Amino acid sequence: AELVQAAVAALAERLDEVLRASRVTERRPPVQVMRDTAAFLALPDLRPFRAVWADILARGGRGEAPFAAIARAQIEGAIASLEEQLDLADAAERRRVAAAILAAIEGVWLLGMVAPGSTEGAIDVLMGGLRSTSKR
């Protein structure tokens, strides 16, 4: 468990470097945050991180230690990061939209990883639903 935590911590540190270099600091409408985040996470350089992430999520979902704690912390951090980017006045709405963006992107990515091409255009369809959120 300690070895896994150390390896994941090293991987997370490398990923944080990539994220810091690409972080957008101004708040944007939900549809733009989703578009930017989906495009970033689709970068070929992130594939190795994403493959490890899929394994962490699967093991965490089964309650395996230390994966459950690692996955929860990373998910909470990702939601918080998305919240900071959203141009929505209501904090509760910002949280819900951030969680929805993360869930949509992760779901589309995971299904696409298992069945390449199966989710082509799915993010665009989902962004249509976010456009109405931007008007609130």
N, C-alpha and C. Protein backbone atom coordinates (compact mmCIF):
# COMPACT_ATOMS: atom_id res chain seq x y z
N ALA A 1 0.83 -1.20 0.00
CA ALA A 1 0.00 0.00 0.00
C ALA A 1 0.87 1.26 0.00
N GLU A 2 1.97 1.23 0.78
CA GLU A 2 2.86 2.39 0.82
C GLU A 2 3.53 2.62 -0.52
N LEU A 3 3.91 1.54 -1.18
CA LEU A 3 4.54 1.65 -2.49
C LEU A 3 3.56 2.24 -3.51
N VAL A 4 2.32 1.79 -3.47
CA VAL A 4 1.30 2.31 -4.37
C VAL A 4 1.09 3.79 -4.11
N GLN A 5 0.98 4.17 -2.84
CA GLN A 5 0.78 5.58 -2.51
C GLN A 5 1.95 6.43 -2.98
N ALA A 6 3.17 5.94 -2.83
CA ALA A 6 4.35 6.69 -3.28
C ALA A 6 4.35 6.83 -4.80
N ALA A 7 4.02 5.75 -5.50
CA ALA A 7 3.99 5.79 -6.97
C ALA A 7 2.91 6.74 -7.47
N VAL A 8 1.74 6.68 -6.86
CA VAL A 8 0.65 7.56 -7.27
C VAL A 8 0.98 9.01 -6.92
N ALA A 9 1.61 9.24 -5.80
CA ALA A 9 2.02 10.60 -5.43
C ALA A 9 3.00 11.16 -6.45
N ALA A 10 3.95 10.35 -6.90
CA ALA A 10 4.92 10.80 -7.91
C ALA A 10 4.20 11.08 -9.23
N LEU A 11 3.28 10.21 -9.60
CA LEU A 11 2.51 10.41 -10.82
C LEU A 11 1.65 11.67 -10.72
N ALA A 12 1.01 11.87 -9.58
CA ALA A 12 0.18 13.05 -9.37
C ALA A 12 1.01 14.33 -9.42
N GLU A 13 2.22 14.27 -8.90
CA GLU A 13 3.11 15.44 -8.95
C GLU A 13 3.46 15.79 -10.39
N ARG A 14 3.75 14.78 -11.20
CA ARG A 14 4.05 15.03 -12.62
C ARG A 14 2.83 15.59 -13.33
N LEU A 15 1.65 15.04 -13.03
CA LEU A 15 0.43 15.53 -13.65
C LEU A 15 0.14 16.95 -13.20
N ASP A 16 0.36 17.27 -11.94
CA ASP A 16 0.15 18.63 -11.44
C ASP A 16 1.02 19.64 -12.20
N GLU A 17 2.24 19.25 -12.52
CA GLU A 17 3.12 20.12 -13.31
C GLU A 17 2.50 20.43 -14.67
N VAL A 18 1.97 19.40 -15.30
CA VAL A 18 1.33 19.58 -16.61
C VAL A 18 0.09 20.47 -16.46
N LEU A 19 -0.68 20.23 -15.44
CA LEU A 19 -1.89 21.01 -15.21
C LEU A 19 -1.58 22.48 -14.91
N ARG A 20 -0.57 22.71 -14.07
CA ARG A 20 -0.19 24.10 -13.74
C ARG A 20 0.23 24.86 -14.99
N ALA A 21 0.94 24.20 -15.88
CA ALA A 21 1.40 24.85 -17.10
C ALA A 21 0.24 25.21 -18.03
N SER A 22 -0.86 24.49 -17.92
CA SER A 22 -1.97 24.72 -18.84
C SER A 22 -3.18 25.38 -18.17
N ARG A 23 -3.10 25.66 -16.90
CA ARG A 23 -4.24 26.17 -16.15
C ARG A 23 -4.70 27.54 -16.66
N VAL A 24 -6.00 27.65 -16.84
CA VAL A 24 -6.64 28.90 -17.22
C VAL A 24 -7.14 29.54 -15.93
N THR A 25 -6.82 30.80 -15.72
CA THR A 25 -7.16 31.42 -14.44
C THR A 25 -8.47 32.21 -14.47
N GLU A 26 -8.94 32.63 -15.63
CA GLU A 26 -10.18 33.40 -15.64
C GLU A 26 -11.38 32.46 -15.63
N ARG A 27 -12.47 32.96 -15.06
CA ARG A 27 -13.71 32.17 -15.02
C ARG A 27 -14.37 32.23 -16.40
N ARG A 28 -14.95 31.07 -16.77
CA ARG A 28 -15.57 30.95 -18.09
C ARG A 28 -16.93 30.27 -17.96
N PRO A 29 -17.76 30.40 -18.98
CA PRO A 29 -19.06 29.71 -18.96
C PRO A 29 -18.84 28.19 -18.91
N PRO A 30 -19.80 27.45 -18.34
CA PRO A 30 -19.65 26.00 -18.22
C PRO A 30 -19.29 25.29 -19.53
N VAL A 31 -19.92 25.68 -20.61
CA VAL A 31 -19.65 24.99 -21.88
C VAL A 31 -18.19 25.17 -22.30
N GLN A 32 -17.62 26.33 -22.03
CA GLN A 32 -16.21 26.57 -22.38
C GLN A 32 -15.28 25.79 -21.46
N VAL A 33 -15.62 25.72 -20.18
CA VAL A 33 -14.81 24.93 -19.24
C VAL A 33 -14.81 23.46 -19.66
N MET A 34 -15.98 22.96 -20.04
CA MET A 34 -16.06 21.57 -20.47
C MET A 34 -15.25 21.35 -21.75
N ARG A 35 -15.39 22.23 -22.70
CA ARG A 35 -14.66 22.10 -23.96
C ARG A 35 -13.15 22.11 -23.71
N ASP A 36 -12.69 23.08 -22.93
CA ASP A 36 -11.26 23.20 -22.64
C ASP A 36 -10.73 21.99 -21.87
N THR A 37 -11.50 21.54 -20.88
CA THR A 37 -11.07 20.41 -20.06
C THR A 37 -11.04 19.12 -20.87
N ALA A 38 -12.07 18.90 -21.67
CA ALA A 38 -12.12 17.70 -22.51
C ALA A 38 -10.96 17.69 -23.50
N ALA A 39 -10.68 18.83 -24.10
CA ALA A 39 -9.57 18.91 -25.06
C ALA A 39 -8.24 18.65 -24.37
N PHE A 40 -8.07 19.21 -23.19
CA PHE A 40 -6.82 19.00 -22.45
C PHE A 40 -6.63 17.54 -22.09
N LEU A 41 -7.67 16.93 -21.54
CA LEU A 41 -7.55 15.54 -21.10
C LEU A 41 -7.43 14.55 -22.26
N ALA A 42 -7.73 15.01 -23.46
CA ALA A 42 -7.59 14.14 -24.64
C ALA A 42 -6.18 14.19 -25.24
N LEU A 43 -5.31 15.04 -24.69
CA LEU A 43 -3.95 15.14 -25.23
C LEU A 43 -3.24 13.80 -25.13
N PRO A 44 -2.54 13.41 -26.20
CA PRO A 44 -1.83 12.12 -26.19
C PRO A 44 -0.84 11.97 -25.03
N ASP A 45 -0.22 13.06 -24.60
CA ASP A 45 0.74 12.98 -23.48
C ASP A 45 0.09 12.53 -22.18
N LEU A 46 -1.22 12.67 -22.09
CA LEU A 46 -1.91 12.30 -20.85
C LEU A 46 -2.40 10.86 -20.86
N ARG A 47 -2.29 10.16 -21.96
CA ARG A 47 -2.78 8.78 -22.02
C ARG A 47 -2.22 7.89 -20.92
N PRO A 48 -0.90 7.94 -20.66
CA PRO A 48 -0.39 7.07 -19.58
C PRO A 48 -1.01 7.40 -18.22
N PHE A 49 -1.21 8.69 -17.94
CA PHE A 49 -1.84 9.09 -16.68
C PHE A 49 -3.27 8.57 -16.62
N ARG A 50 -3.96 8.71 -17.74
CA ARG A 50 -5.37 8.32 -17.80
C ARG A 50 -5.54 6.82 -17.61
N ALA A 51 -4.62 6.03 -18.15
CA ALA A 51 -4.71 4.57 -17.99
C ALA A 51 -4.53 4.19 -16.52
N VAL A 52 -3.58 4.82 -15.85
CA VAL A 52 -3.38 4.56 -14.42
C VAL A 52 -4.60 5.04 -13.64
N TRP A 53 -5.14 6.18 -14.03
CA TRP A 53 -6.30 6.74 -13.36
C TRP A 53 -7.49 5.78 -13.45
N ALA A 54 -7.70 5.17 -14.61
CA ALA A 54 -8.80 4.22 -14.79
C ALA A 54 -8.65 3.06 -13.81
N ASP A 55 -7.44 2.58 -13.63
CA ASP A 55 -7.20 1.49 -12.70
C ASP A 55 -7.45 1.92 -11.25
N ILE A 56 -7.01 3.13 -10.92
CA ILE A 56 -7.24 3.65 -9.57
C ILE A 56 -8.73 3.78 -9.30
N LEU A 57 -9.48 4.30 -10.26
CA LEU A 57 -10.93 4.44 -10.09
C LEU A 57 -11.60 3.08 -9.91
N ALA A 58 -11.22 2.12 -10.73
CA ALA A 58 -11.84 0.79 -10.63
C ALA A 58 -11.56 0.16 -9.27
N ARG A 59 -10.34 0.22 -8.85
CA ARG A 59 -9.98 -0.37 -7.55
C ARG A 59 -10.60 0.43 -6.41
N GLY A 60 -10.60 1.75 -6.54
CA GLY A 60 -11.23 2.59 -5.52
C GLY A 60 -12.71 2.32 -5.41
N GLY A 61 -13.35 2.12 -6.56
CA GLY A 61 -14.77 1.82 -6.57
C GLY A 61 -15.11 0.51 -5.88
N ARG A 62 -14.16 -0.40 -5.84
CA ARG A 62 -14.35 -1.66 -5.13
C ARG A 62 -13.97 -1.55 -3.65
N GLY A 63 -13.53 -0.35 -3.26
CA GLY A 63 -13.18 -0.12 -1.86
C GLY A 63 -11.79 -0.58 -1.47
N GLU A 64 -10.94 -0.90 -2.45
CA GLU A 64 -9.59 -1.37 -2.15
C GLU A 64 -8.74 -0.23 -1.59
N ALA A 65 -8.00 -0.54 -0.53
CA ALA A 65 -7.05 0.43 0.04
C ALA A 65 -5.73 0.27 -0.71
N PRO A 66 -5.04 1.33 -0.97
CA PRO A 66 -5.31 2.72 -0.66
C PRO A 66 -6.05 3.45 -1.78
N PHE A 67 -6.52 2.68 -2.78
CA PHE A 67 -7.08 3.29 -3.99
C PHE A 67 -8.34 4.11 -3.72
N ALA A 68 -9.18 3.66 -2.80
CA ALA A 68 -10.42 4.39 -2.52
C ALA A 68 -10.12 5.80 -2.03
N ALA A 69 -9.17 5.93 -1.11
CA ALA A 69 -8.81 7.24 -0.58
C ALA A 69 -8.13 8.11 -1.65
N ILE A 70 -7.28 7.49 -2.43
CA ILE A 70 -6.58 8.22 -3.49
C ILE A 70 -7.60 8.74 -4.51
N ALA A 71 -8.50 7.87 -4.94
CA ALA A 71 -9.49 8.27 -5.94
C ALA A 71 -10.38 9.39 -5.41
N ARG A 72 -10.84 9.25 -4.20
CA ARG A 72 -11.71 10.28 -3.61
C ARG A 72 -11.01 11.63 -3.55
N ALA A 73 -9.76 11.63 -3.09
CA ALA A 73 -9.01 12.88 -2.99
C ALA A 73 -8.80 13.52 -4.36
N GLN A 74 -8.49 12.71 -5.36
CA GLN A 74 -8.26 13.24 -6.70
C GLN A 74 -9.55 13.77 -7.31
N ILE A 75 -10.65 13.07 -7.08
CA ILE A 75 -11.94 13.53 -7.60
C ILE A 75 -12.33 14.85 -6.95
N GLU A 76 -12.20 14.92 -5.64
CA GLU A 76 -12.53 16.17 -4.93
C GLU A 76 -11.65 17.32 -5.44
N GLY A 77 -10.37 17.04 -5.66
CA GLY A 77 -9.47 18.07 -6.18
C GLY A 77 -9.85 18.51 -7.58
N ALA A 78 -10.24 17.58 -8.41
CA ALA A 78 -10.65 17.91 -9.78
C ALA A 78 -11.92 18.75 -9.78
N ILE A 79 -12.87 18.38 -8.95
CA ILE A 79 -14.12 19.16 -8.86
C ILE A 79 -13.81 20.57 -8.37
N ALA A 80 -12.97 20.70 -7.36
CA ALA A 80 -12.61 22.02 -6.84
C ALA A 80 -11.93 22.86 -7.93
N SER A 81 -11.06 22.24 -8.69
CA SER A 81 -10.38 22.95 -9.77
C SER A 81 -11.38 23.44 -10.82
N LEU A 82 -12.33 22.59 -11.17
CA LEU A 82 -13.35 22.99 -12.14
C LEU A 82 -14.24 24.10 -11.58
N GLU A 83 -14.58 24.01 -10.30
CA GLU A 83 -15.40 25.05 -9.66
C GLU A 83 -14.74 26.42 -9.79
N GLU A 84 -13.42 26.47 -9.58
CA GLU A 84 -12.68 27.73 -9.66
C GLU A 84 -12.74 28.35 -11.05
N GLN A 85 -12.96 27.52 -12.06
CA GLN A 85 -12.96 28.01 -13.44
C GLN A 85 -14.34 28.46 -13.92
N LEU A 86 -15.39 28.07 -13.21
CA LEU A 86 -16.75 28.31 -13.68
C LEU A 86 -17.25 29.71 -13.36
N ASP A 87 -17.83 30.35 -14.35
CA ASP A 87 -18.41 31.68 -14.20
C ASP A 87 -19.89 31.53 -13.84
N LEU A 88 -20.11 31.05 -12.63
CA LEU A 88 -21.46 30.90 -12.09
C LEU A 88 -21.46 31.52 -10.70
N ALA A 89 -22.47 32.34 -10.41
CA ALA A 89 -22.50 33.07 -9.15
C ALA A 89 -22.82 32.17 -7.95
N ASP A 90 -23.74 31.24 -8.11
CA ASP A 90 -24.19 30.41 -7.01
C ASP A 90 -23.20 29.29 -6.74
N ALA A 91 -22.69 29.21 -5.51
CA ALA A 91 -21.66 28.22 -5.15
C ALA A 91 -22.18 26.79 -5.28
N ALA A 92 -23.42 26.55 -4.87
CA ALA A 92 -23.97 25.20 -4.97
C ALA A 92 -24.13 24.78 -6.43
N GLU A 93 -24.57 25.69 -7.26
CA GLU A 93 -24.71 25.40 -8.69
C GLU A 93 -23.33 25.16 -9.32
N ARG A 94 -22.36 25.95 -8.91
CA ARG A 94 -20.99 25.78 -9.42
C ARG A 94 -20.48 24.39 -9.09
N ARG A 95 -20.73 23.93 -7.89
CA ARG A 95 -20.30 22.60 -7.45
C ARG A 95 -20.99 21.50 -8.29
N ARG A 96 -22.31 21.63 -8.47
CA ARG A 96 -23.05 20.63 -9.25
C ARG A 96 -22.57 20.59 -10.70
N VAL A 97 -22.37 21.76 -11.29
CA VAL A 97 -21.92 21.81 -12.68
C VAL A 97 -20.51 21.26 -12.82
N ALA A 98 -19.64 21.59 -11.87
CA ALA A 98 -18.26 21.05 -11.91
C ALA A 98 -18.28 19.53 -11.83
N ALA A 99 -19.09 18.98 -10.94
CA ALA A 99 -19.20 17.52 -10.81
C ALA A 99 -19.77 16.90 -12.09
N ALA A 100 -20.75 17.56 -12.69
CA ALA A 100 -21.33 17.05 -13.94
C ALA A 100 -20.31 17.06 -15.07
N ILE A 101 -19.53 18.12 -15.16
CA ILE A 101 -18.50 18.19 -16.20
C ILE A 101 -17.49 17.06 -16.02
N LEU A 102 -17.03 16.87 -14.80
CA LEU A 102 -16.06 15.81 -14.54
C LEU A 102 -16.65 14.43 -14.86
N ALA A 103 -17.87 14.18 -14.40
CA ALA A 103 -18.51 12.88 -14.64
C ALA A 103 -18.69 12.63 -16.14
N ALA A 104 -19.11 13.65 -16.86
CA ALA A 104 -19.32 13.49 -18.31
C ALA A 104 -18.01 13.19 -19.03
N ILE A 105 -16.99 13.97 -18.74
CA ILE A 105 -15.71 13.79 -19.42
C ILE A 105 -15.11 12.43 -19.07
N GLU A 106 -15.12 12.06 -17.80
CA GLU A 106 -14.57 10.78 -17.39
C GLU A 106 -15.34 9.63 -18.01
N GLY A 107 -16.67 9.74 -18.02
CA GLY A 107 -17.49 8.67 -18.61
C GLY A 107 -17.25 8.51 -20.10
N VAL A 108 -17.22 9.61 -20.81
CA VAL A 108 -16.97 9.57 -22.25
C VAL A 108 -15.59 9.00 -22.52
N TRP A 109 -14.62 9.43 -21.74
CA TRP A 109 -13.25 8.95 -21.94
C TRP A 109 -13.15 7.45 -21.67
N LEU A 110 -13.75 6.99 -20.57
CA LEU A 110 -13.65 5.58 -20.21
C LEU A 110 -14.32 4.70 -21.27
N LEU A 111 -15.50 5.06 -21.69
CA LEU A 111 -16.17 4.27 -22.72
C LEU A 111 -15.39 4.29 -24.03
N GLY A 112 -14.83 5.43 -24.36
CA GLY A 112 -14.01 5.53 -25.57
C GLY A 112 -12.74 4.72 -25.48
N MET A 113 -12.20 4.58 -24.27
CA MET A 113 -11.00 3.78 -24.08
C MET A 113 -11.32 2.29 -24.29
N VAL A 114 -12.47 1.86 -23.81
CA VAL A 114 -12.87 0.46 -23.93
C VAL A 114 -13.32 0.14 -25.36
N ALA A 115 -14.06 1.05 -25.96
CA ALA A 115 -14.57 0.84 -27.32
C ALA A 115 -14.23 2.07 -28.17
N PRO A 116 -12.99 2.14 -28.68
CA PRO A 116 -12.55 3.32 -29.44
C PRO A 116 -13.55 3.70 -30.53
N GLY A 117 -13.82 5.01 -30.57
CA GLY A 117 -14.74 5.56 -31.57
C GLY A 117 -16.19 5.57 -31.14
N SER A 118 -16.53 4.84 -30.08
CA SER A 118 -17.93 4.72 -29.67
C SER A 118 -18.51 6.01 -29.11
N THR A 119 -17.67 6.90 -28.63
CA THR A 119 -18.16 8.13 -28.00
C THR A 119 -17.85 9.37 -28.85
N GLU A 120 -17.53 9.16 -30.11
CA GLU A 120 -17.22 10.27 -31.01
C GLU A 120 -18.37 11.29 -31.01
N GLY A 121 -18.07 12.54 -30.69
CA GLY A 121 -19.06 13.61 -30.69
C GLY A 121 -19.89 13.70 -29.42
N ALA A 122 -19.70 12.80 -28.48
CA ALA A 122 -20.52 12.80 -27.26
C ALA A 122 -20.33 14.07 -26.44
N ILE A 123 -19.11 14.56 -26.35
CA ILE A 123 -18.86 15.78 -25.58
C ILE A 123 -19.63 16.95 -26.18
N ASP A 124 -19.68 17.04 -27.50
CA ASP A 124 -20.44 18.12 -28.15
C ASP A 124 -21.92 18.05 -27.79
N VAL A 125 -22.48 16.85 -27.77
CA VAL A 125 -23.89 16.68 -27.40
C VAL A 125 -24.10 17.11 -25.95
N LEU A 126 -23.22 16.70 -25.07
CA LEU A 126 -23.34 17.06 -23.66
C LEU A 126 -23.18 18.56 -23.44
N MET A 127 -22.33 19.20 -24.23
CA MET A 127 -22.15 20.65 -24.08
C MET A 127 -23.43 21.39 -24.42
N GLY A 128 -24.27 20.82 -25.26
CA GLY A 128 -25.55 21.44 -25.56
C GLY A 128 -26.39 21.63 -24.31
N GLY A 129 -26.36 20.67 -23.40
CA GLY A 129 -27.07 20.79 -22.13
C GLY A 129 -26.47 21.85 -21.23
N LEU A 130 -25.17 22.05 -21.31
CA LEU A 130 -24.52 23.07 -20.48
C LEU A 130 -24.82 24.48 -20.96
N ARG A 131 -25.13 24.63 -22.21
CA ARG A 131 -25.43 25.97 -22.72
C ARG A 131 -26.59 26.60 -21.97
N SER A 132 -27.60 25.79 -21.61
CA SER A 132 -28.72 26.34 -20.86
C SER A 132 -28.31 26.73 -19.44
N THR A 133 -27.33 26.02 -18.87
CA THR A 133 -26.83 26.36 -17.54
C THR A 133 -26.13 27.71 -17.57
N SER A 134 -25.45 28.02 -18.66
CA SER A 134 -24.73 29.27 -18.77
C SER A 134 -25.64 30.48 -18.73
N LYS A 135 -26.92 30.30 -19.08
CA LYS A 135 -27.87 31.42 -19.15
C LYS A 135 -28.51 31.73 -17.82
N ARG A 136 -28.30 30.87 -16.83
CA ARG A 136 -28.92 31.10 -15.50
C ARG A 136 -28.25 32.20 -14.76
